[in-house]
N, C-alpha and C. Protein backbone atom coordinates (compact mmCIF):
# COMPACT_ATOMS: atom_id res chain seq x y z
N MET A 1 118.51 41.46 -144.22
CA MET A 1 117.45 40.64 -143.64
C MET A 1 116.11 41.21 -144.04
N PHE A 2 115.16 40.35 -144.35
CA PHE A 2 113.82 40.76 -144.76
C PHE A 2 112.99 41.18 -143.55
N ASP A 3 112.33 42.32 -143.68
CA ASP A 3 111.45 42.81 -142.61
C ASP A 3 110.02 42.39 -142.95
N SER A 4 109.48 41.48 -142.16
CA SER A 4 108.13 40.99 -142.44
C SER A 4 107.05 41.92 -141.90
N ARG A 5 107.45 43.03 -141.32
CA ARG A 5 106.47 44.02 -140.84
C ARG A 5 106.49 45.19 -141.83
N PRO A 6 105.61 45.16 -142.84
CA PRO A 6 105.72 46.15 -143.91
C PRO A 6 105.23 47.55 -143.54
N PHE A 7 104.61 47.72 -142.39
CA PHE A 7 104.03 49.01 -142.05
C PHE A 7 104.77 49.66 -140.88
N ARG A 8 104.85 50.97 -140.92
CA ARG A 8 105.47 51.72 -139.83
C ARG A 8 104.70 53.03 -139.65
N PRO A 9 104.56 53.49 -138.43
CA PRO A 9 103.83 54.74 -138.19
C PRO A 9 104.58 55.94 -138.75
N GLU A 10 103.86 56.93 -139.16
CA GLU A 10 104.45 58.19 -139.59
C GLU A 10 104.73 59.02 -138.34
N PRO A 11 105.99 59.34 -138.07
CA PRO A 11 106.31 60.11 -136.85
C PRO A 11 105.52 61.42 -136.79
N GLY A 12 104.84 61.63 -135.69
CA GLY A 12 104.10 62.87 -135.48
C GLY A 12 102.75 62.94 -136.15
N ASP A 13 102.33 61.90 -136.87
CA ASP A 13 101.04 61.92 -137.55
C ASP A 13 100.32 60.60 -137.31
N PRO A 14 99.45 60.54 -136.31
CA PRO A 14 98.78 59.28 -135.99
C PRO A 14 97.73 58.87 -137.01
N THR A 15 97.44 59.73 -137.99
CA THR A 15 96.45 59.37 -139.01
C THR A 15 97.08 58.72 -140.23
N THR A 16 98.41 58.54 -140.23
CA THR A 16 99.11 57.99 -141.40
C THR A 16 100.03 56.85 -141.01
N VAL A 17 100.04 55.81 -141.84
CA VAL A 17 100.94 54.67 -141.70
C VAL A 17 101.70 54.54 -143.02
N ARG A 18 103.01 54.40 -142.95
CA ARG A 18 103.86 54.26 -144.14
C ARG A 18 104.06 52.78 -144.48
N HIS A 19 104.29 52.51 -145.76
CA HIS A 19 104.65 51.17 -146.22
C HIS A 19 105.63 51.31 -147.38
N SER A 20 106.13 50.20 -147.88
CA SER A 20 107.06 50.26 -149.01
C SER A 20 106.36 50.91 -150.20
N THR A 21 107.14 51.50 -151.08
CA THR A 21 106.57 52.19 -152.24
C THR A 21 105.89 51.19 -153.16
N LEU A 22 104.62 51.48 -153.47
CA LEU A 22 103.84 50.65 -154.39
C LEU A 22 103.53 51.50 -155.62
N HIS A 23 103.10 50.85 -156.67
CA HIS A 23 102.70 51.52 -157.90
C HIS A 23 101.25 51.20 -158.18
N CYS A 24 100.47 52.23 -158.47
CA CYS A 24 99.08 51.99 -158.84
C CYS A 24 99.07 51.19 -160.14
N PRO A 25 98.36 50.05 -160.16
CA PRO A 25 98.33 49.24 -161.37
C PRO A 25 97.58 49.91 -162.53
N THR A 26 96.81 50.94 -162.23
CA THR A 26 96.06 51.64 -163.27
C THR A 26 96.87 52.76 -163.91
N CYS A 27 97.39 53.67 -163.08
CA CYS A 27 98.06 54.86 -163.62
C CYS A 27 99.58 54.85 -163.43
N GLY A 28 100.09 53.93 -162.62
CA GLY A 28 101.53 53.84 -162.41
C GLY A 28 102.09 54.78 -161.36
N SER A 29 101.24 55.61 -160.75
CA SER A 29 101.71 56.54 -159.72
C SER A 29 102.24 55.78 -158.52
N HIS A 30 103.19 56.39 -157.85
CA HIS A 30 103.80 55.79 -156.67
C HIS A 30 103.06 56.25 -155.42
N PHE A 31 102.91 55.35 -154.46
CA PHE A 31 102.38 55.74 -153.16
C PHE A 31 103.03 54.88 -152.09
N ASP A 32 103.14 55.46 -150.89
CA ASP A 32 103.86 54.76 -149.81
C ASP A 32 103.22 54.97 -148.45
N ALA A 33 101.93 55.27 -148.43
CA ALA A 33 101.27 55.52 -147.15
C ALA A 33 99.78 55.23 -147.26
N VAL A 34 99.19 54.99 -146.12
CA VAL A 34 97.75 54.87 -145.99
C VAL A 34 97.34 55.78 -144.85
N SER A 35 96.22 56.48 -145.03
CA SER A 35 95.74 57.42 -144.01
C SER A 35 94.29 57.14 -143.70
N ALA A 36 93.88 57.58 -142.53
CA ALA A 36 92.46 57.54 -142.20
C ALA A 36 91.76 58.44 -143.21
N PRO A 37 90.68 57.98 -143.83
CA PRO A 37 90.07 58.74 -144.92
C PRO A 37 89.69 60.17 -144.57
N ASP A 38 89.19 60.38 -143.38
CA ASP A 38 88.76 61.74 -143.04
C ASP A 38 89.77 62.47 -142.16
N GLY A 39 90.88 61.82 -141.84
CA GLY A 39 91.92 62.46 -141.05
C GLY A 39 91.55 62.71 -139.60
N SER A 40 90.39 62.22 -139.17
CA SER A 40 89.94 62.50 -137.81
C SER A 40 90.16 61.35 -136.85
N ARG A 41 90.71 60.26 -137.34
CA ARG A 41 90.94 59.11 -136.45
C ARG A 41 92.26 58.47 -136.80
N LEU A 42 92.69 57.59 -135.96
CA LEU A 42 93.97 56.91 -136.17
C LEU A 42 93.88 55.98 -137.38
N ALA A 43 94.92 56.01 -138.18
CA ALA A 43 95.00 55.05 -139.28
C ALA A 43 95.27 53.68 -138.69
N ARG A 44 94.67 52.66 -139.26
CA ARG A 44 94.96 51.30 -138.81
C ARG A 44 95.79 50.62 -139.87
N LEU A 45 96.49 49.60 -139.46
CA LEU A 45 97.33 48.86 -140.41
C LEU A 45 96.43 48.14 -141.40
N PRO A 46 96.69 48.30 -142.69
CA PRO A 46 95.89 47.59 -143.69
C PRO A 46 96.03 46.08 -143.53
N GLN A 47 94.94 45.41 -143.76
CA GLN A 47 94.90 43.96 -143.75
C GLN A 47 94.73 43.47 -145.18
N ASN A 48 95.07 42.22 -145.42
CA ASN A 48 94.88 41.63 -146.74
C ASN A 48 93.42 41.80 -147.15
N GLY A 49 93.18 42.37 -148.33
CA GLY A 49 91.82 42.56 -148.83
C GLY A 49 91.23 43.93 -148.53
N ASP A 50 91.88 44.75 -147.72
CA ASP A 50 91.37 46.10 -147.44
C ASP A 50 91.43 46.95 -148.70
N LEU A 51 90.48 47.86 -148.81
CA LEU A 51 90.41 48.74 -149.97
C LEU A 51 91.16 50.04 -149.72
N THR A 52 91.66 50.62 -150.80
CA THR A 52 92.26 51.95 -150.78
C THR A 52 91.96 52.60 -152.11
N VAL A 53 92.15 53.91 -152.17
CA VAL A 53 91.89 54.65 -153.40
C VAL A 53 93.19 55.34 -153.81
N CYS A 54 93.54 55.24 -155.08
CA CYS A 54 94.71 55.95 -155.60
C CYS A 54 94.40 57.44 -155.62
N TRP A 55 95.26 58.25 -155.00
CA TRP A 55 95.05 59.70 -154.92
C TRP A 55 95.24 60.37 -156.27
N TYR A 56 95.85 59.69 -157.23
CA TYR A 56 96.13 60.30 -158.52
C TYR A 56 95.02 60.03 -159.53
N CYS A 57 94.62 58.78 -159.69
CA CYS A 57 93.60 58.44 -160.69
C CYS A 57 92.25 58.10 -160.06
N THR A 58 92.18 57.99 -158.74
CA THR A 58 90.99 57.67 -157.94
C THR A 58 90.43 56.27 -158.21
N ASP A 59 91.24 55.37 -158.77
CA ASP A 59 90.78 53.99 -158.93
C ASP A 59 90.82 53.26 -157.58
N LEU A 60 89.91 52.33 -157.43
CA LEU A 60 89.82 51.53 -156.21
C LEU A 60 90.83 50.39 -156.30
N LEU A 61 91.65 50.26 -155.25
CA LEU A 61 92.68 49.23 -155.18
C LEU A 61 92.47 48.36 -153.95
N VAL A 62 93.06 47.20 -153.96
CA VAL A 62 92.95 46.25 -152.86
C VAL A 62 94.36 45.93 -152.37
N TYR A 63 94.56 46.06 -151.05
CA TYR A 63 95.85 45.69 -150.46
C TYR A 63 96.00 44.18 -150.43
N LEU A 64 97.20 43.73 -150.78
CA LEU A 64 97.59 42.32 -150.66
C LEU A 64 98.71 42.29 -149.64
N VAL A 65 98.41 41.79 -148.45
CA VAL A 65 99.38 41.78 -147.35
C VAL A 65 99.68 40.34 -147.00
N GLY A 66 100.95 40.00 -147.00
CA GLY A 66 101.35 38.63 -146.71
C GLY A 66 102.72 38.58 -146.08
N PRO A 67 103.25 37.39 -145.92
CA PRO A 67 104.55 37.23 -145.24
C PRO A 67 105.71 37.86 -145.99
N LEU A 68 105.55 38.14 -147.29
CA LEU A 68 106.63 38.76 -148.06
C LEU A 68 106.49 40.27 -148.17
N GLY A 69 105.46 40.84 -147.58
CA GLY A 69 105.30 42.29 -147.62
C GLY A 69 103.92 42.71 -148.09
N VAL A 70 103.88 43.85 -148.79
CA VAL A 70 102.61 44.44 -149.20
C VAL A 70 102.64 44.75 -150.70
N ALA A 71 101.50 44.58 -151.35
CA ALA A 71 101.32 44.91 -152.76
C ALA A 71 99.87 45.38 -152.92
N CYS A 72 99.49 45.68 -154.14
CA CYS A 72 98.09 46.06 -154.39
C CYS A 72 97.67 45.57 -155.77
N ARG A 73 96.37 45.50 -155.95
CA ARG A 73 95.79 45.12 -157.24
C ARG A 73 94.54 45.95 -157.47
N ILE A 74 94.06 45.95 -158.69
CA ILE A 74 92.83 46.64 -159.02
C ILE A 74 91.65 45.86 -158.43
N ALA A 75 90.68 46.57 -157.89
CA ALA A 75 89.50 45.93 -157.32
C ALA A 75 88.69 45.25 -158.42
N ASP A 76 88.08 44.11 -158.06
CA ASP A 76 87.23 43.41 -159.02
C ASP A 76 85.81 43.98 -158.97
N ALA A 77 84.94 43.47 -159.82
CA ALA A 77 83.58 44.01 -159.95
C ALA A 77 82.80 43.93 -158.63
N ALA A 78 82.92 42.82 -157.91
CA ALA A 78 82.19 42.67 -156.65
C ALA A 78 82.70 43.67 -155.61
N GLU A 79 84.01 43.89 -155.56
CA GLU A 79 84.57 44.86 -154.61
C GLU A 79 84.15 46.28 -154.97
N LEU A 80 84.12 46.60 -156.26
CA LEU A 80 83.65 47.92 -156.69
C LEU A 80 82.19 48.14 -156.29
N GLU A 81 81.38 47.12 -156.49
CA GLU A 81 79.96 47.22 -156.15
C GLU A 81 79.76 47.43 -154.65
N ALA A 82 80.50 46.69 -153.84
CA ALA A 82 80.39 46.85 -152.38
C ALA A 82 80.85 48.24 -151.96
N PHE A 83 81.91 48.74 -152.56
CA PHE A 83 82.41 50.08 -152.26
C PHE A 83 81.38 51.13 -152.63
N GLN A 84 80.80 51.01 -153.82
CA GLN A 84 79.83 51.99 -154.28
C GLN A 84 78.56 51.98 -153.44
N ALA A 85 78.26 50.87 -152.79
CA ALA A 85 77.06 50.77 -151.96
C ALA A 85 77.24 51.42 -150.59
N SER A 86 78.47 51.73 -150.23
CA SER A 86 78.75 52.30 -148.91
C SER A 86 78.62 53.82 -148.94
N PRO A 87 77.68 54.41 -148.16
CA PRO A 87 77.55 55.87 -148.14
C PRO A 87 78.83 56.55 -147.66
N TYR A 88 79.53 55.94 -146.71
CA TYR A 88 80.77 56.52 -146.21
C TYR A 88 81.82 56.58 -147.31
N ALA A 89 81.95 55.49 -148.07
CA ALA A 89 82.94 55.44 -149.14
C ALA A 89 82.61 56.44 -150.23
N ARG A 90 81.36 56.57 -150.59
CA ARG A 90 80.97 57.55 -151.61
C ARG A 90 81.29 58.96 -151.16
N ARG A 91 81.01 59.24 -149.90
CA ARG A 91 81.28 60.57 -149.34
C ARG A 91 82.78 60.85 -149.36
N TRP A 92 83.57 59.86 -148.98
CA TRP A 92 85.02 60.03 -148.96
C TRP A 92 85.57 60.25 -150.36
N LEU A 93 85.08 59.49 -151.34
CA LEU A 93 85.55 59.64 -152.71
C LEU A 93 85.17 61.02 -153.26
N ALA A 94 83.99 61.52 -152.91
CA ALA A 94 83.60 62.86 -153.33
C ALA A 94 84.54 63.91 -152.74
N GLN A 95 84.95 63.74 -151.47
CA GLN A 95 85.92 64.66 -150.85
C GLN A 95 87.25 64.60 -151.59
N LEU A 96 87.69 63.42 -151.96
CA LEU A 96 88.95 63.26 -152.69
C LEU A 96 88.88 63.99 -154.03
N GLN A 97 87.78 63.83 -154.74
CA GLN A 97 87.65 64.48 -156.05
C GLN A 97 87.61 66.01 -155.91
N LYS A 98 86.98 66.53 -154.85
CA LYS A 98 86.99 67.98 -154.61
C LYS A 98 88.40 68.46 -154.31
N PHE A 99 89.13 67.70 -153.51
CA PHE A 99 90.51 68.05 -153.18
C PHE A 99 91.36 68.12 -154.44
N LYS A 100 91.23 67.12 -155.30
CA LYS A 100 91.99 67.09 -156.54
C LYS A 100 91.62 68.26 -157.45
N ALA A 101 90.35 68.61 -157.51
CA ALA A 101 89.91 69.73 -158.34
C ALA A 101 90.52 71.04 -157.85
N ARG A 102 90.60 71.24 -156.54
CA ARG A 102 91.20 72.46 -155.98
C ARG A 102 92.67 72.54 -156.31
N LYS A 103 93.37 71.39 -156.30
CA LYS A 103 94.81 71.39 -156.59
C LYS A 103 95.09 71.75 -158.05
N GLN A 104 94.13 71.51 -158.95
CA GLN A 104 94.33 71.79 -160.37
C GLN A 104 94.05 73.25 -160.73
N LEU A 105 93.45 73.99 -159.81
CA LEU A 105 93.15 75.41 -160.09
C LEU A 105 94.39 76.25 -160.09
């Protein structure tokens, strides 16, 4: 039977919500969760059109949520522009890039 509820909480971690495994359309990396960007608040269930960032290539992606489940696509130019205009989003992306740099050391 098909489960039309694609999201489930991560046991013991209120900042993370799991979903079916998706593939980044840019780099092909697999991901299966969404988290609150700063880890200080509860993750909310992604809605159709919500933005996310691939932890591997840092490309901006858009959630596609519908009756058949969840998918993602690459953000278009207008979505990229809106993301870049947000001070919170820029700050979060800078934190992600610092985290990735530390992991490569």
